[in-house]
């Protein structure tokens, strides 16, 4: 965790990412409200096949239900409290908890790859690795073997969950 005493004084590019808790199924509303107020927001989504009334459809659901990542500037910091559908920032003690830029970048790489993602809060941490080639190149995380398959796991400790995706063994380099 990074000390957030200087959050309000940092420039937009160097401001840390914060985690905003939302009401149940209000992630899209919160993200839209943040964007309308020109607050930098990121809601990672995964595609899931759902069936309604006999028809199958692909639906984009939040990767981390109940959470939106935000990076406010100094003048936007106080406006976060007035976002419809939000429940406030995740705190570490009395200060907003920050998310490691590298972990969020790794989540973005996985989401943008188009691969089938699985969110699993129960996976056991393992060896830190970096993907050297393929669609996940540049993503860092932990390597876990699940049923004879290698999976890259990105742990988001603030949310007590992990994102995992299957990777080829020859594309992995140890850190």
C-alpha atoms as a PDB file:
ATOM      1  CA  UNK A   1       0.000   0.000   0.000  1.00  0.00           C
ATOM      2  CA  UNK A   2       1.192   3.460  -0.841  1.00  0.00           C
ATOM      3  CA  UNK A   3       0.805   6.411   1.509  1.00  0.00           C
ATOM      4  CA  UNK A   4      -1.943   8.636   0.106  1.00  0.00           C
ATOM      5  CA  UNK A   5      -1.161  11.865   1.959  1.00  0.00           C
ATOM      6  CA  UNK A   6      -0.061  13.488  -1.301  1.00  0.00           C
ATOM      7  CA  UNK A   7      -2.995  12.305  -3.428  1.00  0.00           C
ATOM      8  CA  UNK A   8      -4.461  15.778  -3.817  1.00  0.00           C
ATOM      9  CA  UNK A   9      -1.110  17.310  -4.821  1.00  0.00           C
ATOM     10  CA  UNK A  10      -0.168  14.822  -7.542  1.00  0.00           C
ATOM     11  CA  UNK A  11      -0.606  15.371 -11.271  1.00  0.00           C
ATOM     12  CA  UNK A  12      -3.301  13.352 -13.091  1.00  0.00           C
ATOM     13  CA  UNK A  13      -0.759  11.019 -14.739  1.00  0.00           C
ATOM     14  CA  UNK A  14       0.986  10.186 -11.465  1.00  0.00           C
ATOM     15  CA  UNK A  15      -2.078  10.128  -9.212  1.00  0.00           C
ATOM     16  CA  UNK A  16      -2.683   6.658  -7.786  1.00  0.00           C
ATOM     17  CA  UNK A  17      -5.643   4.498  -8.719  1.00  0.00           C
ATOM     18  CA  UNK A  18      -8.239   4.186  -5.972  1.00  0.00           C
ATOM     19  CA  UNK A  19     -11.016   1.627  -5.599  1.00  0.00           C
ATOM     20  CA  UNK A  20     -14.593   2.901  -5.371  1.00  0.00           C
ATOM     21  CA  UNK A  21     -17.197   0.546  -3.889  1.00  0.00           C
ATOM     22  CA  UNK A  22     -20.582   0.596  -5.645  1.00  0.00           C
ATOM     23  CA  UNK A  23     -24.070  -0.520  -4.808  1.00  0.00           C
ATOM     24  CA  UNK A  24     -25.038  -3.926  -6.148  1.00  0.00           C
ATOM     25  CA  UNK A  25     -25.304  -3.851  -9.978  1.00  0.00           C
ATOM     26  CA  UNK A  26     -24.552  -0.103 -10.163  1.00  0.00           C
ATOM     27  CA  UNK A  27     -21.053  -0.342 -11.666  1.00  0.00           C
ATOM     28  CA  UNK A  28     -22.117   0.984 -15.090  1.00  0.00           C
ATOM     29  CA  UNK A  29     -24.079   3.870 -13.562  1.00  0.00           C
ATOM     30  CA  UNK A  30     -21.096   4.841 -11.409  1.00  0.00           C
ATOM     31  CA  UNK A  31     -18.654   4.614 -14.329  1.00  0.00           C
ATOM     32  CA  UNK A  32     -20.925   6.786 -16.514  1.00  0.00           C
ATOM     33  CA  UNK A  33     -21.337   9.368 -13.745  1.00  0.00           C
ATOM     34  CA  UNK A  34     -17.581   9.507 -13.204  1.00  0.00           C
ATOM     35  CA  UNK A  35     -16.940   9.987 -16.915  1.00  0.00           C
ATOM     36  CA  UNK A  36     -19.561  12.751 -17.109  1.00  0.00           C
ATOM     37  CA  UNK A  37     -17.693  14.552 -14.331  1.00  0.00           C
ATOM     38  CA  UNK A  38     -14.441  13.950 -16.280  1.00  0.00           C
ATOM     39  CA  UNK A  39     -12.995  11.759 -13.532  1.00  0.00           C
ATOM     40  CA  UNK A  40     -10.666   9.057 -14.856  1.00  0.00           C
ATOM     41  CA  UNK A  41     -12.471   5.731 -14.272  1.00  0.00           C
ATOM     42  CA  UNK A  42     -11.892   2.135 -15.322  1.00  0.00           C
ATOM     43  CA  UNK A  43     -14.427  -0.680 -15.080  1.00  0.00           C
ATOM     44  CA  UNK A  44     -12.891  -3.931 -16.349  1.00  0.00           C
ATOM     45  CA  UNK A  45     -15.464  -6.192 -17.995  1.00  0.00           C
ATOM     46  CA  UNK A  46     -15.514  -9.812 -19.126  1.00  0.00           C
ATOM     47  CA  UNK A  47     -17.775 -11.400 -21.710  1.00  0.00           C
ATOM     48  CA  UNK A  48     -20.097 -14.100 -20.390  1.00  0.00           C
ATOM     49  CA  UNK A  49     -22.536 -16.255 -22.354  1.00  0.00           C
ATOM     50  CA  UNK A  50     -26.032 -16.010 -20.823  1.00  0.00           C
ATOM     51  CA  UNK A  51     -29.334 -17.512 -21.876  1.00  0.00           C
ATOM     52  CA  UNK A  52     -32.656 -15.637 -21.693  1.00  0.00           C
ATOM     53  CA  UNK A  53     -35.960 -16.940 -23.018  1.00  0.00           C
ATOM     54  CA  UNK A  54     -34.248 -19.648 -25.039  1.00  0.00           C
ATOM     55  CA  UNK A  55     -31.752 -17.257 -26.693  1.00  0.00           C
ATOM     56  CA  UNK A  56     -28.046 -17.167 -25.986  1.00  0.00           C
ATOM     57  CA  UNK A  57     -26.357 -13.792 -25.705  1.00  0.00           C
ATOM     58  CA  UNK A  58     -22.892 -12.552 -24.841  1.00  0.00           C
ATOM     59  CA  UNK A  59     -23.086 -10.045 -22.000  1.00  0.00           C
ATOM     60  CA  UNK A  60     -20.267  -7.807 -20.713  1.00  0.00           C
ATOM     61  CA  UNK A  61     -20.235  -8.127 -16.915  1.00  0.00           C
ATOM     62  CA  UNK A  62     -17.932  -6.368 -14.450  1.00  0.00           C
ATOM     63  CA  UNK A  63     -14.784  -8.371 -13.775  1.00  0.00           C
ATOM     64  CA  UNK A  64     -14.898  -7.273 -10.119  1.00  0.00           C
ATOM     65  CA  UNK A  65     -18.590  -6.837  -9.225  1.00  0.00           C
ATOM     66  CA  UNK A  66     -19.192  -3.931  -6.883  1.00  0.00           C
ATOM     67  CA  UNK A  67     -15.997  -2.017  -7.674  1.00  0.00           C
ATOM     68  CA  UNK A  68     -14.815   0.701 -10.092  1.00  0.00           C
ATOM     69  CA  UNK A  69     -11.230   1.969 -10.293  1.00  0.00           C
ATOM     70  CA  UNK A  70     -10.848   5.768 -10.192  1.00  0.00           C
ATOM     71  CA  UNK A  71      -7.956   8.211 -10.522  1.00  0.00           C
ATOM     72  CA  UNK A  72      -9.166  11.678  -9.548  1.00  0.00           C
ATOM     73  CA  UNK A  73      -7.168  14.874  -9.860  1.00  0.00           C
ATOM     74  CA  UNK A  74      -6.800  17.199  -6.878  1.00  0.00           C
ATOM     75  CA  UNK A  75      -9.869  19.279  -7.787  1.00  0.00           C
ATOM     76  CA  UNK A  76     -12.012  16.155  -8.468  1.00  0.00           C
ATOM     77  CA  UNK A  77     -11.176  14.308  -5.273  1.00  0.00           C
ATOM     78  CA  UNK A  78     -14.087  15.685  -3.237  1.00  0.00           C
ATOM     79  CA  UNK A  79     -16.617  15.089  -6.070  1.00  0.00           C
ATOM     80  CA  UNK A  80     -16.276  11.317  -5.706  1.00  0.00           C
ATOM     81  CA  UNK A  81     -18.526  11.427  -2.645  1.00  0.00           C
ATOM     82  CA  UNK A  82     -21.426  12.675  -4.787  1.00  0.00           C
ATOM     83  CA  UNK A  83     -21.505   9.932  -7.428  1.00  0.00           C
ATOM     84  CA  UNK A  84     -24.910   8.244  -7.719  1.00  0.00           C
ATOM     85  CA  UNK A  85     -24.668   4.531  -6.845  1.00  0.00           C
ATOM     86  CA  UNK A  86     -21.308   4.726  -5.084  1.00  0.00           C
ATOM     87  CA  UNK A  87     -20.693   3.641  -1.502  1.00  0.00           C
ATOM     88  CA  UNK A  88     -17.358   5.391  -1.032  1.00  0.00           C
ATOM     89  CA  UNK A  89     -13.695   4.614  -1.436  1.00  0.00           C
ATOM     90  CA  UNK A  90     -12.050   1.516   0.001  1.00  0.00           C
ATOM     91  CA  UNK A  91      -9.993   2.699   2.961  1.00  0.00           C
ATOM     92  CA  UNK A  92      -6.754   1.549   4.511  1.00  0.00           C
ATOM     93  CA  UNK A  93      -6.993   2.895   8.015  1.00  0.00           C
ATOM     94  CA  UNK A  94      -8.426   6.388   7.618  1.00  0.00           C
ATOM     95  CA  UNK A  95      -6.971   7.029   4.132  1.00  0.00           C
ATOM     96  CA  UNK A  96      -8.051   5.810   0.690  1.00  0.00           C
ATOM     97  CA  UNK A  97      -6.254   2.612  -0.266  1.00  0.00           C
ATOM     98  CA  UNK A  98      -4.283   2.776  -3.507  1.00  0.00           C
ATOM     99  CA  UNK A  99      -3.935   0.113  -6.164  1.00  0.00           C
ATOM    100  CA  UNK A 100      -0.549  -0.775  -7.588  1.00  0.00           C
ATOM    101  CA  UNK A 101      -0.259   0.574 -11.160  1.00  0.00           C
ATOM    102  CA  UNK A 102       1.386  -2.670 -12.291  1.00  0.00           C
ATOM    103  CA  UNK A 103      -1.521  -4.813 -11.068  1.00  0.00           C
ATOM    104  CA  UNK A 104      -4.054  -2.615 -12.865  1.00  0.00           C
ATOM    105  CA  UNK A 105      -1.944  -2.663 -16.055  1.00  0.00           C
ATOM    106  CA  UNK A 106      -1.862  -6.463 -15.901  1.00  0.00           C
ATOM    107  CA  UNK A 107      -5.663  -6.583 -15.503  1.00  0.00           C
ATOM    108  CA  UNK A 108      -6.003  -4.278 -18.544  1.00  0.00           C
ATOM    109  CA  UNK A 109      -3.766  -6.572 -20.625  1.00  0.00           C
ATOM    110  CA  UNK A 110      -5.879  -9.605 -19.706  1.00  0.00           C
ATOM    111  CA  UNK A 111      -9.176  -7.819 -20.382  1.00  0.00           C
ATOM    112  CA  UNK A 112      -7.986  -6.444 -23.748  1.00  0.00           C
ATOM    113  CA  UNK A 113      -6.740  -9.886 -24.865  1.00  0.00           C
ATOM    114  CA  UNK A 114     -10.275 -11.172 -25.411  1.00  0.00           C
ATOM    115  CA  UNK A 115      -9.454 -14.454 -23.647  1.00  0.00           C
ATOM    116  CA  UNK A 116     -11.917 -16.172 -21.340  1.00  0.00           C
ATOM    117  CA  UNK A 117     -11.278 -14.798 -17.859  1.00  0.00           C
ATOM    118  CA  UNK A 118     -12.206 -16.349 -14.558  1.00  0.00           C
ATOM    119  CA  UNK A 119     -12.377 -14.494 -11.256  1.00  0.00           C
ATOM    120  CA  UNK A 120     -11.468 -16.727  -8.337  1.00  0.00           C
ATOM    121  CA  UNK A 121     -10.859 -15.459  -4.795  1.00  0.00           C
ATOM    122  CA  UNK A 122      -9.732 -18.945  -3.675  1.00  0.00           C
ATOM    123  CA  UNK A 123      -6.571 -19.482  -5.784  1.00  0.00           C
ATOM    124  CA  UNK A 124      -3.354 -20.011  -3.861  1.00  0.00           C
ATOM    125  CA  UNK A 125      -0.477 -17.580  -4.559  1.00  0.00           C
ATOM    126  CA  UNK A 126       2.582 -18.999  -6.350  1.00  0.00           C
ATOM    127  CA  UNK A 127       5.678 -17.921  -8.265  1.00  0.00           C
ATOM    128  CA  UNK A 128       5.772 -14.387  -9.735  1.00  0.00           C
ATOM    129  CA  UNK A 129       6.056 -14.544 -13.534  1.00  0.00           C
ATOM    130  CA  UNK A 130       5.927 -12.283 -16.570  1.00  0.00           C
ATOM    131  CA  UNK A 131       4.427 -13.222 -19.921  1.00  0.00           C
ATOM    132  CA  UNK A 132       7.068 -12.692 -22.626  1.00  0.00           C
ATOM    133  CA  UNK A 133       5.057 -13.442 -25.775  1.00  0.00           C
ATOM    134  CA  UNK A 134       1.552 -13.959 -27.050  1.00  0.00           C
ATOM    135  CA  UNK A 135      -1.640 -11.990 -26.407  1.00  0.00           C
ATOM    136  CA  UNK A 136      -0.777 -11.455 -22.715  1.00  0.00           C
ATOM    137  CA  UNK A 137       2.761 -10.144 -23.312  1.00  0.00           C
ATOM    138  CA  UNK A 138       3.815  -7.747 -20.567  1.00  0.00           C
ATOM    139  CA  UNK A 139       1.362  -8.994 -17.925  1.00  0.00           C
ATOM    140  CA  UNK A 140       2.911  -9.906 -14.581  1.00  0.00           C
ATOM    141  CA  UNK A 141       1.298 -12.101 -11.997  1.00  0.00           C
ATOM    142  CA  UNK A 142       1.553 -15.401 -10.207  1.00  0.00           C
ATOM    143  CA  UNK A 143       1.703 -18.773 -11.898  1.00  0.00           C
ATOM    144  CA  UNK A 144      -0.686 -21.431 -10.650  1.00  0.00           C
ATOM    145  CA  UNK A 145      -1.180 -24.932 -12.021  1.00  0.00           C
ATOM    146  CA  UNK A 146      -4.871 -25.904 -12.203  1.00  0.00           C
ATOM    147  CA  UNK A 147      -5.758 -29.369 -13.498  1.00  0.00           C
ATOM    148  CA  UNK A 148      -2.545 -29.752 -15.536  1.00  0.00           C
ATOM    149  CA  UNK A 149      -2.912 -26.282 -17.115  1.00  0.00           C
ATOM    150  CA  UNK A 150      -0.782 -23.231 -16.385  1.00  0.00           C
ATOM    151  CA  UNK A 151      -2.794 -20.182 -15.363  1.00  0.00           C
ATOM    152  CA  UNK A 152      -1.586 -16.615 -14.856  1.00  0.00           C
ATOM    153  CA  UNK A 153      -3.192 -15.126 -11.771  1.00  0.00           C
ATOM    154  CA  UNK A 154      -3.357 -11.387 -11.118  1.00  0.00           C
ATOM    155  CA  UNK A 155      -4.112 -10.804  -7.447  1.00  0.00           C
ATOM    156  CA  UNK A 156      -6.026  -7.658  -6.548  1.00  0.00           C
ATOM    157  CA  UNK A 157      -5.414  -7.712  -2.810  1.00  0.00           C
ATOM    158  CA  UNK A 158      -7.684  -4.749  -2.045  1.00  0.00           C
ATOM    159  CA  UNK A 159     -10.681  -6.631  -3.445  1.00  0.00           C
ATOM    160  CA  UNK A 160      -9.623 -10.019  -2.035  1.00  0.00           C
ATOM    161  CA  UNK A 161      -9.903 -11.610  -5.488  1.00  0.00           C
ATOM    162  CA  UNK A 162      -7.844 -12.787  -8.377  1.00  0.00           C
ATOM    163  CA  UNK A 163      -8.196 -12.828 -12.149  1.00  0.00           C
ATOM    164  CA  UNK A 164      -6.831 -15.859 -13.945  1.00  0.00           C
ATOM    165  CA  UNK A 165      -6.302 -16.895 -17.545  1.00  0.00           C
ATOM    166  CA  UNK A 166      -4.748 -19.957 -19.160  1.00  0.00           C
ATOM    167  CA  UNK A 167      -1.295 -19.370 -20.661  1.00  0.00           C
ATOM    168  CA  UNK A 168       1.217 -21.355 -22.685  1.00  0.00           C
ATOM    169  CA  UNK A 169       4.167 -22.612 -20.618  1.00  0.00           C
ATOM    170  CA  UNK A 170       6.774 -21.479 -23.182  1.00  0.00           C
ATOM    171  CA  UNK A 171       5.560 -17.856 -23.016  1.00  0.00           C
ATOM    172  CA  UNK A 172       6.379 -17.510 -19.300  1.00  0.00           C
ATOM    173  CA  UNK A 173       9.552 -16.032 -17.808  1.00  0.00           C
ATOM    174  CA  UNK A 174      10.260 -16.042 -14.092  1.00  0.00           C
ATOM    175  CA  UNK A 175      10.813 -12.720 -12.327  1.00  0.00           C
END
